[in-house]
N, C-alpha and C. Protein backbone atom coordinates (compact mmCIF):
# COMPACT_ATOMS: atom_id res chain seq x y z
N MET A 1 -18.19 -13.41 -4.93
CA MET A 1 -18.30 -12.16 -3.22
C MET A 1 -16.27 -11.96 -3.21
N PRO A 2 -16.55 -10.39 -2.94
CA PRO A 2 -15.29 -9.89 -3.08
C PRO A 2 -14.56 -10.02 -1.19
N ILE A 3 -13.46 -9.91 -1.94
CA ILE A 3 -13.14 -10.36 0.02
C ILE A 3 -12.86 -9.30 0.21
N PRO A 4 -13.12 -9.46 1.91
CA PRO A 4 -12.69 -7.77 2.43
C PRO A 4 -11.22 -7.77 2.19
N SER A 5 -11.00 -6.14 2.50
CA SER A 5 -9.61 -5.93 2.39
C SER A 5 -8.55 -5.71 3.80
N LEU A 6 -7.50 -5.98 3.19
CA LEU A 6 -6.52 -6.41 4.10
C LEU A 6 -6.16 -4.86 5.11
N GLN A 7 -6.02 -4.22 6.88
CA GLN A 7 -5.99 -3.07 6.90
C GLN A 7 -5.20 -3.02 7.67
N VAL A 8 -3.71 -2.63 7.53
CA VAL A 8 -2.52 -1.94 8.32
C VAL A 8 -2.89 -0.26 9.46
N SER A 9 -2.63 -0.72 10.22
CA SER A 9 -2.67 0.57 10.82
C SER A 9 -1.92 0.50 11.99
N ASN A 10 -0.50 1.92 12.43
CA ASN A 10 0.26 1.51 12.80
C ASN A 10 1.31 0.38 13.30
N LEU A 11 1.82 -0.42 12.43
CA LEU A 11 2.52 -1.53 12.65
C LEU A 11 3.69 -1.66 12.91
N ALA A 12 4.17 -2.34 14.25
CA ALA A 12 5.27 -2.15 14.37
C ALA A 12 5.71 -3.92 14.24
N VAL A 13 6.65 -4.03 13.93
CA VAL A 13 8.08 -5.45 13.37
C VAL A 13 8.68 -5.84 13.72
N ALA A 14 9.16 -6.31 14.90
CA ALA A 14 10.29 -6.52 15.59
C ALA A 14 11.01 -7.56 15.24
N ARG A 15 12.00 -7.38 15.20
CA ARG A 15 13.27 -9.14 15.22
C ARG A 15 14.45 -8.68 15.76
N GLY A 16 14.26 -9.45 17.04
CA GLY A 16 15.20 -9.71 17.86
C GLY A 16 14.73 -8.55 18.86
N ASP A 17 15.50 -7.92 19.48
CA ASP A 17 15.20 -6.23 20.16
C ASP A 17 15.13 -5.37 19.41
N ARG A 18 15.32 -5.49 18.27
CA ARG A 18 14.67 -4.32 18.14
C ARG A 18 13.87 -3.71 16.80
N ASN A 19 12.97 -2.60 15.97
CA ASN A 19 12.07 -2.97 15.59
C ASN A 19 12.17 -2.44 14.69
N VAL A 20 12.12 -3.37 13.07
CA VAL A 20 12.57 -3.23 11.47
C VAL A 20 11.99 -2.55 10.97
N VAL A 21 10.37 -2.79 11.78
CA VAL A 21 9.71 -2.03 11.27
C VAL A 21 8.56 -1.21 11.60
N GLU A 22 7.65 0.44 11.86
CA GLU A 22 7.61 0.85 12.34
C GLU A 22 6.59 1.90 11.79
N ALA A 23 5.28 2.05 12.27
CA ALA A 23 4.21 3.22 12.08
C ALA A 23 3.60 3.03 10.68
N LEU A 24 3.80 1.51 10.14
CA LEU A 24 3.40 1.27 8.56
C LEU A 24 1.59 1.29 9.22
N GLY A 25 1.15 1.82 8.08
CA GLY A 25 -0.05 1.77 7.73
C GLY A 25 -0.57 1.73 6.22
N PHE A 26 -1.18 0.81 5.88
CA PHE A 26 -1.77 0.64 3.92
C PHE A 26 -2.76 -0.27 4.38
N ALA A 27 -3.43 -0.10 3.24
CA ALA A 27 -3.84 -1.08 2.84
C ALA A 27 -4.52 -2.11 1.65
N VAL A 28 -4.84 -3.19 1.34
CA VAL A 28 -4.93 -4.44 0.32
C VAL A 28 -6.34 -4.47 -0.01
N ALA A 29 -6.89 -4.51 -1.26
CA ALA A 29 -7.91 -4.90 -1.55
C ALA A 29 -7.82 -6.00 -2.42
N ALA A 30 -9.03 -6.47 -2.78
CA ALA A 30 -9.57 -7.96 -4.11
C ALA A 30 -8.84 -6.73 -4.92
N GLY A 31 -8.20 -7.62 -5.91
CA GLY A 31 -7.62 -7.65 -7.26
C GLY A 31 -6.10 -6.78 -7.28
N GLU A 32 -5.75 -6.63 -6.02
CA GLU A 32 -4.65 -5.58 -5.64
C GLU A 32 -3.31 -6.91 -5.73
N ILE A 33 -2.04 -6.08 -6.37
CA ILE A 33 -1.26 -7.28 -5.81
C ILE A 33 -0.16 -5.76 -4.94
N LEU A 34 0.37 -6.64 -3.95
CA LEU A 34 1.57 -5.68 -3.43
C LEU A 34 2.70 -5.74 -3.43
N HIS A 35 3.71 -4.94 -3.91
CA HIS A 35 4.64 -5.71 -4.19
C HIS A 35 5.98 -4.57 -2.90
N ILE A 36 6.21 -5.76 -1.99
CA ILE A 36 6.73 -5.24 -0.95
C ILE A 36 7.97 -5.13 -0.86
N ARG A 37 8.81 -4.05 -1.20
CA ARG A 37 10.49 -4.04 -1.73
C ARG A 37 11.16 -3.42 -0.31
N GLY A 38 12.82 -3.52 -0.63
CA GLY A 38 13.59 -2.61 0.72
C GLY A 38 14.56 -3.93 0.52
N ARG A 39 15.36 -3.09 1.01
CA ARG A 39 17.19 -3.88 1.08
C ARG A 39 17.50 -4.49 2.61
N ASN A 40 17.97 -5.89 1.81
CA ASN A 40 18.26 -6.49 2.81
C ASN A 40 18.61 -6.45 4.48
N GLY A 41 17.75 -6.53 5.70
CA GLY A 41 17.62 -6.43 7.06
C GLY A 41 16.07 -5.33 6.81
N ALA A 42 15.87 -4.84 5.60
CA ALA A 42 14.62 -3.86 6.05
C ALA A 42 13.60 -4.41 6.62
N GLY A 43 13.20 -6.00 6.88
CA GLY A 43 12.28 -6.40 7.59
C GLY A 43 10.85 -6.77 6.51
N LYS A 44 11.45 -7.40 5.50
CA LYS A 44 10.32 -7.98 4.55
C LYS A 44 9.76 -8.99 4.51
N THR A 45 10.99 -9.62 4.69
CA THR A 45 10.16 -11.15 5.35
C THR A 45 9.12 -10.92 6.72
N SER A 46 9.95 -10.42 7.54
CA SER A 46 9.58 -10.17 8.76
C SER A 46 7.35 -9.58 9.07
N LEU A 47 7.66 -8.90 7.93
CA LEU A 47 6.40 -7.97 7.65
C LEU A 47 5.39 -9.28 6.80
N LEU A 48 5.91 -9.73 5.76
CA LEU A 48 4.74 -10.90 5.53
C LEU A 48 4.74 -11.94 6.29
N GLU A 49 5.26 -12.25 7.55
CA GLU A 49 5.33 -13.15 8.50
C GLU A 49 3.91 -12.65 9.32
N VAL A 50 4.11 -11.24 9.47
CA VAL A 50 2.83 -10.87 10.32
C VAL A 50 1.83 -10.69 9.21
N LEU A 51 1.87 -10.22 8.29
CA LEU A 51 0.73 -10.05 7.61
C LEU A 51 0.34 -11.40 7.33
N CYS A 52 1.04 -12.62 7.14
CA CYS A 52 0.19 -13.61 7.12
C CYS A 52 -0.49 -14.62 8.53
N GLY A 53 -0.58 -13.44 9.49
CA GLY A 53 -0.30 -14.28 10.95
C GLY A 53 0.66 -15.12 11.04
N LEU A 54 1.70 -15.44 10.47
CA LEU A 54 2.71 -16.41 11.35
C LEU A 54 3.41 -15.71 11.92
N ARG A 55 3.39 -14.64 12.29
CA ARG A 55 4.65 -13.52 13.69
C ARG A 55 3.32 -12.72 13.95
N THR A 56 3.48 -12.39 15.46
CA THR A 56 2.97 -11.39 15.94
C THR A 56 3.76 -9.75 15.97
N PRO A 57 2.83 -8.92 15.98
CA PRO A 57 3.60 -7.68 15.76
C PRO A 57 3.27 -6.95 16.92
N ALA A 58 5.08 -6.65 17.13
CA ALA A 58 4.99 -5.34 18.69
C ALA A 58 3.84 -4.29 18.55
N THR A 59 3.84 -4.26 18.13
CA THR A 59 2.61 -3.12 17.59
C THR A 59 1.49 -2.95 16.96
N GLY A 60 -0.08 -2.43 16.42
CA GLY A 60 -0.81 -1.76 15.93
C GLY A 60 -1.38 -2.95 15.42
N THR A 61 -2.48 -2.61 15.03
CA THR A 61 -3.59 -3.51 14.04
C THR A 61 -3.34 -4.36 12.60
N ILE A 62 -4.13 -4.91 12.67
CA ILE A 62 -4.33 -5.76 11.56
C ILE A 62 -6.02 -6.20 11.08
N GLU A 63 -6.48 -5.59 10.29
CA GLU A 63 -8.08 -5.97 10.27
C GLU A 63 -8.60 -6.36 8.95
N GLY A 64 -9.21 -7.25 8.84
CA GLY A 64 -9.82 -8.30 8.10
C GLY A 64 -8.93 -9.60 7.24
N GLN A 65 -7.40 -9.62 8.44
CA GLN A 65 -6.59 -10.55 8.27
C GLN A 65 -6.94 -12.12 7.46
N PRO A 66 -6.67 -12.91 6.72
CA PRO A 66 -7.15 -14.13 6.64
C PRO A 66 -6.99 -14.79 6.87
N ASP A 67 -7.69 -16.37 7.05
CA ASP A 67 -7.80 -16.86 7.82
C ASP A 67 -6.55 -18.82 7.67
N ALA A 68 -6.42 -19.85 8.02
CA ALA A 68 -5.46 -20.55 7.44
C ALA A 68 -5.98 -20.76 5.80
N GLU A 69 -7.71 -20.79 5.88
CA GLU A 69 -7.91 -21.53 5.01
C GLU A 69 -8.62 -20.97 3.14
N HIS A 70 -8.10 -19.38 3.90
CA HIS A 70 -8.26 -18.03 2.87
C HIS A 70 -7.25 -17.97 2.24
N ARG A 71 -6.07 -18.18 2.43
CA ARG A 71 -4.41 -17.53 2.54
C ARG A 71 -3.27 -19.24 1.94
N HIS A 72 -2.46 -18.56 1.09
CA HIS A 72 -1.29 -19.52 0.51
C HIS A 72 -0.36 -18.51 1.19
N TRP A 73 0.77 -19.39 2.05
CA TRP A 73 2.04 -18.87 2.55
C TRP A 73 3.15 -19.72 1.29
N LEU A 74 3.90 -18.90 0.71
CA LEU A 74 4.89 -19.36 0.20
C LEU A 74 6.09 -18.75 0.20
N GLY A 75 7.34 -19.65 1.13
CA GLY A 75 8.22 -18.57 1.40
C GLY A 75 9.20 -18.56 0.79
N HIS A 76 10.46 -18.16 1.71
CA HIS A 76 11.56 -18.50 0.58
C HIS A 76 11.92 -19.93 0.11
N LYS A 77 11.61 -20.48 1.14
CA LYS A 77 12.61 -21.69 1.03
C LYS A 77 11.30 -23.01 0.03
N ASN A 78 11.30 -23.63 -0.54
CA ASN A 78 10.14 -24.13 -1.01
C ASN A 78 9.39 -25.09 -0.51
N ALA A 79 10.07 -25.62 0.72
CA ALA A 79 9.04 -26.95 1.83
C ALA A 79 8.95 -27.84 0.88
N LEU A 80 9.79 -29.07 0.30
CA LEU A 80 9.57 -30.21 -0.30
C LEU A 80 10.42 -31.04 -0.05
N ASN A 81 9.48 -32.23 0.26
CA ASN A 81 10.95 -33.30 0.94
C ASN A 81 11.64 -33.75 -0.27
N PRO A 82 13.48 -33.73 -0.79
CA PRO A 82 14.22 -33.97 -1.74
C PRO A 82 13.62 -34.93 -2.69
N ALA A 83 12.99 -35.99 -1.62
CA ALA A 83 12.51 -37.61 -1.69
C ALA A 83 11.79 -38.06 -2.47
N LEU A 84 10.63 -36.97 -2.61
CA LEU A 84 9.84 -37.07 -3.19
C LEU A 84 9.33 -36.17 -4.49
N SER A 85 8.94 -36.77 -5.23
CA SER A 85 8.19 -35.96 -6.79
C SER A 85 7.29 -35.13 -6.45
N PRO A 86 7.43 -34.24 -7.39
CA PRO A 86 6.56 -32.92 -7.12
C PRO A 86 4.94 -33.23 -7.10
N ASP A 87 4.41 -34.37 -7.76
CA ASP A 87 3.42 -35.14 -7.75
C ASP A 87 3.25 -35.64 -6.20
N GLU A 88 3.80 -36.13 -5.57
CA GLU A 88 3.96 -36.69 -4.41
C GLU A 88 3.60 -35.47 -3.76
N ASN A 89 4.59 -34.53 -3.61
CA ASN A 89 5.22 -33.91 -2.79
C ASN A 89 3.06 -32.63 -2.29
N LEU A 90 3.25 -32.43 -3.96
CA LEU A 90 1.61 -31.68 -3.96
C LEU A 90 0.45 -32.74 -3.52
N ARG A 91 1.00 -33.73 -3.55
CA ARG A 91 -0.30 -34.49 -3.09
C ARG A 91 -0.59 -35.11 -1.55
N PHE A 92 0.93 -34.49 -0.88
CA PHE A 92 0.53 -34.63 0.33
C PHE A 92 0.47 -33.69 0.94
N TRP A 93 0.72 -32.84 0.13
CA TRP A 93 0.34 -31.19 0.90
C TRP A 93 -0.89 -30.71 0.57
N CYS A 94 -1.88 -31.05 -0.40
CA CYS A 94 -3.12 -30.97 -0.10
C CYS A 94 -3.82 -31.75 0.73
N ALA A 95 -3.02 -33.25 1.08
CA ALA A 95 -3.90 -34.41 1.89
C ALA A 95 -3.77 -33.71 3.76
N LEU A 96 -2.60 -32.69 3.33
CA LEU A 96 -2.07 -32.21 4.90
C LEU A 96 -3.38 -30.85 5.10
N SER A 97 -3.16 -30.39 4.23
CA SER A 97 -4.75 -29.49 4.09
C SER A 97 -5.91 -29.89 4.40
N GLY A 98 -6.19 -31.02 4.06
CA GLY A 98 -7.75 -31.32 4.10
C GLY A 98 -8.32 -31.79 2.74
N HIS A 99 -7.62 -31.78 1.55
CA HIS A 99 -8.13 -31.96 0.20
C HIS A 99 -7.36 -32.88 0.02
N ALA A 100 -6.94 -34.01 0.03
CA ALA A 100 -6.90 -35.54 -0.33
C ALA A 100 -7.18 -35.39 -1.78
N GLU A 101 -8.19 -35.07 -1.80
CA GLU A 101 -9.25 -35.57 -3.56
C GLU A 101 -9.01 -34.70 -4.40
N VAL A 102 -8.15 -33.46 -4.06
CA VAL A 102 -7.65 -32.86 -5.09
C VAL A 102 -6.63 -33.90 -6.19
N ASP A 103 -6.75 -33.53 -7.78
CA ASP A 103 -6.49 -34.39 -8.66
C ASP A 103 -4.86 -33.18 -9.26
N VAL A 104 -3.89 -33.43 -8.98
CA VAL A 104 -2.58 -32.20 -8.84
C VAL A 104 -1.94 -32.26 -10.45
N GLY A 105 -2.55 -33.70 -11.01
CA GLY A 105 -1.71 -33.11 -12.13
C GLY A 105 -2.32 -31.52 -13.39
N GLN A 106 -3.34 -31.23 -13.05
CA GLN A 106 -3.80 -30.19 -13.84
C GLN A 106 -2.71 -28.54 -13.44
N ALA A 107 -3.10 -28.66 -12.22
CA ALA A 107 -1.52 -28.06 -11.54
C ALA A 107 0.13 -28.15 -11.81
N LEU A 108 0.30 -29.12 -11.98
CA LEU A 108 1.52 -29.05 -12.34
C LEU A 108 2.18 -29.49 -13.66
N GLN A 109 0.84 -29.40 -14.66
CA GLN A 109 1.21 -28.97 -16.20
C GLN A 109 0.87 -28.02 -16.25
N ARG A 110 0.60 -26.84 -15.40
CA ARG A 110 0.14 -25.39 -15.66
C ARG A 110 1.40 -24.69 -15.47
N VAL A 111 2.25 -25.05 -14.46
CA VAL A 111 3.86 -25.14 -14.07
C VAL A 111 4.47 -25.35 -14.88
N GLY A 112 4.34 -26.14 -15.83
CA GLY A 112 5.52 -26.55 -16.70
C GLY A 112 6.46 -28.07 -16.30
N LEU A 113 5.53 -28.51 -15.08
CA LEU A 113 6.77 -29.62 -14.73
C LEU A 113 6.17 -31.06 -15.19
N LYS A 114 4.73 -31.22 -16.15
CA LYS A 114 4.24 -32.34 -16.77
C LYS A 114 5.00 -33.58 -16.79
N ALA A 115 6.56 -33.51 -17.29
CA ALA A 115 7.34 -34.31 -17.71
C ALA A 115 8.14 -34.65 -16.38
N GLN A 116 8.34 -33.93 -15.30
CA GLN A 116 8.93 -33.97 -14.20
C GLN A 116 8.33 -34.32 -13.40
N ARG A 117 7.21 -34.57 -13.60
CA ARG A 117 6.31 -34.60 -12.11
C ARG A 117 6.52 -36.25 -11.26
N HIS A 118 7.25 -36.53 -11.50
CA HIS A 118 7.46 -37.93 -11.12
C HIS A 118 8.57 -38.14 -10.60
N ARG A 119 9.22 -37.87 -10.95
CA ARG A 119 11.04 -37.11 -10.44
C ARG A 119 11.40 -36.61 -9.47
N PRO A 120 12.16 -37.39 -8.22
CA PRO A 120 12.24 -36.66 -6.46
C PRO A 120 12.80 -35.42 -6.87
N CYS A 121 12.13 -34.59 -6.23
CA CYS A 121 12.95 -33.31 -6.54
C CYS A 121 14.04 -32.78 -6.19
N GLY A 122 14.60 -33.73 -5.24
CA GLY A 122 15.92 -33.77 -5.23
C GLY A 122 17.54 -33.64 -6.50
N SER A 123 16.02 -34.48 -7.60
CA SER A 123 16.73 -34.25 -9.00
C SER A 123 16.57 -33.09 -9.95
N LEU A 124 15.87 -32.07 -9.54
CA LEU A 124 15.42 -31.48 -10.54
C LEU A 124 16.50 -30.56 -10.07
N SER A 125 15.77 -29.29 -11.68
CA SER A 125 16.80 -27.70 -11.34
C SER A 125 16.04 -26.54 -9.95
N THR A 126 17.17 -25.78 -10.02
CA THR A 126 16.60 -24.75 -8.43
C THR A 126 15.04 -24.43 -9.23
N GLY A 127 15.31 -24.02 -10.67
CA GLY A 127 13.53 -23.72 -10.87
C GLY A 127 12.45 -24.09 -10.62
N GLN A 128 12.74 -25.78 -11.16
CA GLN A 128 12.05 -26.33 -11.57
C GLN A 128 11.76 -26.90 -9.99
N ARG A 129 12.33 -26.82 -9.39
CA ARG A 129 11.82 -27.19 -7.57
C ARG A 129 11.07 -25.57 -6.92
N ARG A 130 11.40 -24.35 -7.36
CA ARG A 130 10.50 -23.13 -7.58
C ARG A 130 9.41 -23.53 -7.60
N ARG A 131 8.85 -24.03 -9.11
CA ARG A 131 7.68 -24.18 -10.37
C ARG A 131 6.67 -25.01 -9.41
N ALA A 132 7.73 -26.50 -8.23
CA ALA A 132 7.03 -27.32 -7.91
C ALA A 132 6.25 -26.49 -6.59
N ALA A 133 6.54 -25.78 -6.16
CA ALA A 133 6.38 -24.89 -5.05
C ALA A 133 4.50 -24.33 -5.40
N LEU A 134 5.22 -23.34 -6.60
CA LEU A 134 4.32 -22.37 -7.11
C LEU A 134 2.85 -23.40 -7.43
N ALA A 135 3.01 -24.34 -7.70
CA ALA A 135 2.08 -25.07 -8.09
C ALA A 135 0.77 -25.39 -7.16
N ARG A 136 1.30 -25.05 -5.59
CA ARG A 136 0.44 -25.01 -4.41
C ARG A 136 -0.70 -23.74 -4.56
N LEU A 137 -0.16 -22.90 -5.42
CA LEU A 137 -1.14 -21.71 -5.44
C LEU A 137 -2.37 -22.35 -6.17
N LEU A 138 -2.41 -22.72 -7.16
CA LEU A 138 -3.32 -23.49 -8.30
C LEU A 138 -3.91 -25.27 -7.87
N ALA A 139 -3.21 -25.49 -7.21
CA ALA A 139 -3.99 -27.20 -6.67
C ALA A 139 -4.94 -26.91 -5.77
N LEU A 140 -5.03 -25.69 -4.85
CA LEU A 140 -6.10 -25.27 -3.99
C LEU A 140 -6.39 -23.51 -4.08
N PRO A 141 -7.03 -23.35 -4.78
CA PRO A 141 -7.36 -22.14 -5.19
C PRO A 141 -7.73 -20.99 -3.83
N ARG A 142 -6.39 -20.23 -3.42
CA ARG A 142 -7.25 -19.43 -2.16
C ARG A 142 -7.32 -17.92 -2.22
N PRO A 143 -7.95 -17.18 -2.31
CA PRO A 143 -8.31 -15.49 -2.44
C PRO A 143 -6.61 -14.96 -2.16
N TRP A 144 -6.15 -15.52 -0.85
CA TRP A 144 -4.67 -14.06 -1.01
C TRP A 144 -3.52 -15.27 -0.36
N TRP A 145 -2.65 -14.26 -1.69
CA TRP A 145 -1.09 -15.15 -1.49
C TRP A 145 -0.06 -14.45 -0.93
N PHE A 146 0.45 -14.67 -0.43
CA PHE A 146 1.45 -14.50 0.69
C PHE A 146 3.19 -15.12 -0.06
N LEU A 147 4.02 -14.41 -0.89
CA LEU A 147 4.81 -14.70 -1.71
C LEU A 147 6.16 -14.25 -1.24
N ASP A 148 6.78 -14.55 -0.51
CA ASP A 148 8.17 -14.61 0.22
C ASP A 148 9.42 -14.42 -1.35
N GLU A 149 10.16 -13.72 -2.40
CA GLU A 149 10.77 -14.11 -3.35
C GLU A 149 10.27 -14.78 -3.45
N PRO A 150 8.99 -15.07 -4.31
CA PRO A 150 8.37 -15.96 -5.55
C PRO A 150 9.48 -16.05 -6.58
N LEU A 151 10.15 -14.76 -7.17
CA LEU A 151 11.45 -14.84 -8.37
C LEU A 151 12.46 -15.60 -8.11
N ALA A 152 13.09 -15.67 -6.52
CA ALA A 152 14.38 -16.40 -6.68
C ALA A 152 14.50 -18.23 -7.30
N GLY A 153 15.72 -17.99 -8.34
CA GLY A 153 15.68 -19.52 -9.03
C GLY A 153 15.08 -19.23 -9.77
N LEU A 154 14.63 -19.23 -10.49
CA LEU A 154 13.40 -18.85 -11.80
C LEU A 154 13.76 -18.29 -13.14
N ASP A 155 14.12 -18.43 -14.34
CA ASP A 155 14.21 -18.15 -15.60
C ASP A 155 13.77 -17.66 -15.70
N HIS A 156 13.91 -16.95 -17.28
CA HIS A 156 13.07 -15.65 -17.51
C HIS A 156 11.78 -16.51 -18.30
N ALA A 157 11.43 -17.70 -18.14
CA ALA A 157 10.28 -18.42 -18.79
C ALA A 157 9.45 -18.48 -17.43
N GLY A 158 10.22 -18.63 -16.16
CA GLY A 158 9.33 -18.93 -15.47
C GLY A 158 8.98 -17.50 -14.47
N ILE A 159 9.64 -16.90 -14.42
CA ILE A 159 9.45 -15.16 -13.64
C ILE A 159 7.99 -14.73 -15.03
N ASP A 160 7.76 -15.35 -16.12
CA ASP A 160 7.25 -15.13 -17.46
C ASP A 160 5.67 -15.16 -16.72
N LEU A 161 5.70 -17.36 -16.29
CA LEU A 161 4.95 -17.60 -16.32
C LEU A 161 4.20 -16.79 -14.35
N LEU A 162 4.85 -16.54 -13.50
CA LEU A 162 4.48 -16.35 -12.28
C LEU A 162 3.97 -14.79 -12.80
N ALA A 163 4.21 -14.10 -13.50
CA ALA A 163 3.85 -12.71 -13.77
C ALA A 163 2.14 -13.29 -14.36
N GLU A 164 2.05 -14.80 -15.45
CA GLU A 164 0.61 -14.60 -15.75
C GLU A 164 -0.36 -15.29 -14.55
N LEU A 165 0.55 -15.65 -13.53
CA LEU A 165 -0.54 -16.21 -12.30
C LEU A 165 -0.88 -15.13 -12.04
N LEU A 166 0.03 -14.29 -11.56
CA LEU A 166 -0.60 -12.83 -10.41
C LEU A 166 -1.75 -12.36 -11.47
N ASP A 167 -1.31 -12.18 -12.26
CA ASP A 167 -2.45 -11.54 -13.26
C ASP A 167 -3.56 -11.88 -13.29
N ALA A 168 -3.64 -13.56 -13.13
CA ALA A 168 -4.71 -13.70 -13.51
C ALA A 168 -5.88 -13.71 -11.56
N HIS A 169 -4.72 -14.18 -10.62
CA HIS A 169 -5.35 -13.97 -9.58
C HIS A 169 -5.78 -12.95 -9.43
N GLY A 170 -5.25 -12.09 -9.73
CA GLY A 170 -5.66 -10.25 -9.73
C GLY A 170 -6.90 -10.15 -10.35
N ARG A 171 -7.36 -10.88 -11.56
CA ARG A 171 -8.47 -10.25 -12.11
C ARG A 171 -9.70 -11.01 -11.46
N GLU A 172 -9.04 -12.28 -11.36
CA GLU A 172 -10.13 -13.11 -10.71
C GLU A 172 -10.45 -12.41 -9.47
N GLY A 173 -9.89 -11.39 -8.63
CA GLY A 173 -10.72 -10.90 -7.63
C GLY A 173 -10.14 -11.28 -6.15
N GLY A 174 -8.95 -11.58 -6.57
CA GLY A 174 -7.31 -12.47 -5.61
C GLY A 174 -7.15 -11.13 -5.16
N ALA A 175 -6.16 -11.15 -4.21
CA ALA A 175 -5.03 -10.15 -3.54
C ALA A 175 -3.85 -11.28 -3.27
N ALA A 176 -2.37 -10.13 -3.48
CA ALA A 176 -0.87 -10.70 -3.29
C ALA A 176 -0.40 -10.14 -2.89
N LEU A 177 -0.16 -10.34 -1.97
CA LEU A 177 1.29 -9.94 -1.31
C LEU A 177 2.37 -10.18 -1.36
N VAL A 178 3.57 -9.59 -1.98
CA VAL A 178 4.10 -10.28 -2.74
C VAL A 178 6.10 -9.80 -2.07
N THR A 179 7.30 -10.51 -1.89
CA THR A 179 8.65 -9.39 -1.42
C THR A 179 9.42 -10.15 -2.38
N SER A 180 9.57 -8.73 -3.07
CA SER A 180 11.22 -9.36 -3.91
C SER A 180 12.31 -8.24 -4.01
N HIS A 181 13.29 -8.33 -4.21
CA HIS A 181 14.51 -7.48 -4.60
C HIS A 181 13.94 -6.88 -6.16
N GLN A 182 14.16 -7.26 -6.45
CA GLN A 182 14.22 -6.65 -8.06
C GLN A 182 12.41 -5.97 -8.28
N PRO A 183 12.37 -5.91 -9.38
CA PRO A 183 10.89 -5.32 -10.06
C PRO A 183 10.00 -6.52 -10.64
N LEU A 184 8.66 -6.08 -10.41
CA LEU A 184 7.81 -7.58 -11.01
C LEU A 184 8.11 -7.15 -12.27
N PRO A 185 7.79 -8.57 -12.80
CA PRO A 185 7.29 -8.58 -14.39
C PRO A 185 6.72 -7.58 -15.05
N GLN A 186 7.09 -7.51 -15.75
CA GLN A 186 5.97 -6.24 -16.74
C GLN A 186 4.30 -7.13 -17.08
N GLY A 187 3.56 -6.66 -17.10
CA GLY A 187 2.30 -6.52 -17.80
C GLY A 187 1.14 -7.72 -16.03
N VAL A 188 1.42 -7.44 -15.08
CA VAL A 188 1.15 -7.94 -14.26
C VAL A 188 -0.27 -6.88 -13.62
N ALA A 189 -1.51 -6.98 -13.83
CA ALA A 189 -2.52 -5.69 -13.38
C ALA A 189 -2.45 -5.52 -11.89
N GLY A 190 -2.83 -4.37 -11.32
CA GLY A 190 -3.33 -3.88 -10.30
C GLY A 190 -1.96 -3.88 -8.75
N VAL A 191 -0.44 -3.58 -9.86
CA VAL A 191 0.14 -3.69 -8.85
C VAL A 191 0.63 -2.64 -8.19
N ARG A 192 0.93 -2.29 -6.96
CA ARG A 192 1.26 -0.91 -6.16
C ARG A 192 2.54 -1.65 -5.24
N THR A 193 3.11 -0.92 -4.94
CA THR A 193 4.96 -0.47 -4.33
C THR A 193 4.55 -0.11 -2.89
N LEU A 194 4.79 -0.69 -1.90
CA LEU A 194 5.64 -0.68 -0.43
C LEU A 194 6.84 -0.22 -0.29
N GLU A 195 7.59 0.88 0.00
CA GLU A 195 9.14 0.20 -0.49
C GLU A 195 9.24 0.12 1.21
N LEU A 196 10.13 -0.56 1.91
CA LEU A 196 10.65 -0.37 3.27
C LEU A 196 12.10 0.35 3.39
N ARG A 197 12.16 1.28 4.33
CA ARG A 197 13.89 1.92 4.66
C ARG A 197 13.98 1.42 5.64
N SER A 198 14.96 1.28 5.19
CA SER A 198 16.10 0.27 6.24
C SER A 198 16.87 0.92 7.90
């Protein structure tokens, strides 16, 4: 069954005492990847937080906003305990989400961390930690992805991996909203761009 589209009308997003986004309207449907671009300070992260339900808009309406069980939030920070391994971090996160029974090995293998799955995250490279965070998208499949700067810290192979994940997610009927300073990798179907003007 297709997921309902996300409909945004006359949206304003405030940071501090000023609006960083104003009079914004767009829609995102199943199978689409919305690439949110803009300079530093344009409000990309603030907008993504509003769309995900982590922040309240200053004005405007959002229809079809997914609830917590149907969305993934991956912030600029990886939210990993450096003393725990990717395996332990992912199992803890699954349990916190009410799915302690999930076998996380397949997700970690898919992101290229089979050999590092039991090493403390604090000993991993920046790119490997980002891959460990991306594994959450696979361990518990959800139709909506909200990804803030997911390319940060990834090497060419990691960027190719993210492209594969986004492309497969869209082709399977999911949707994603992605902020990034740089262009999204080639080969991702259904990409549209929203440019924020600061």
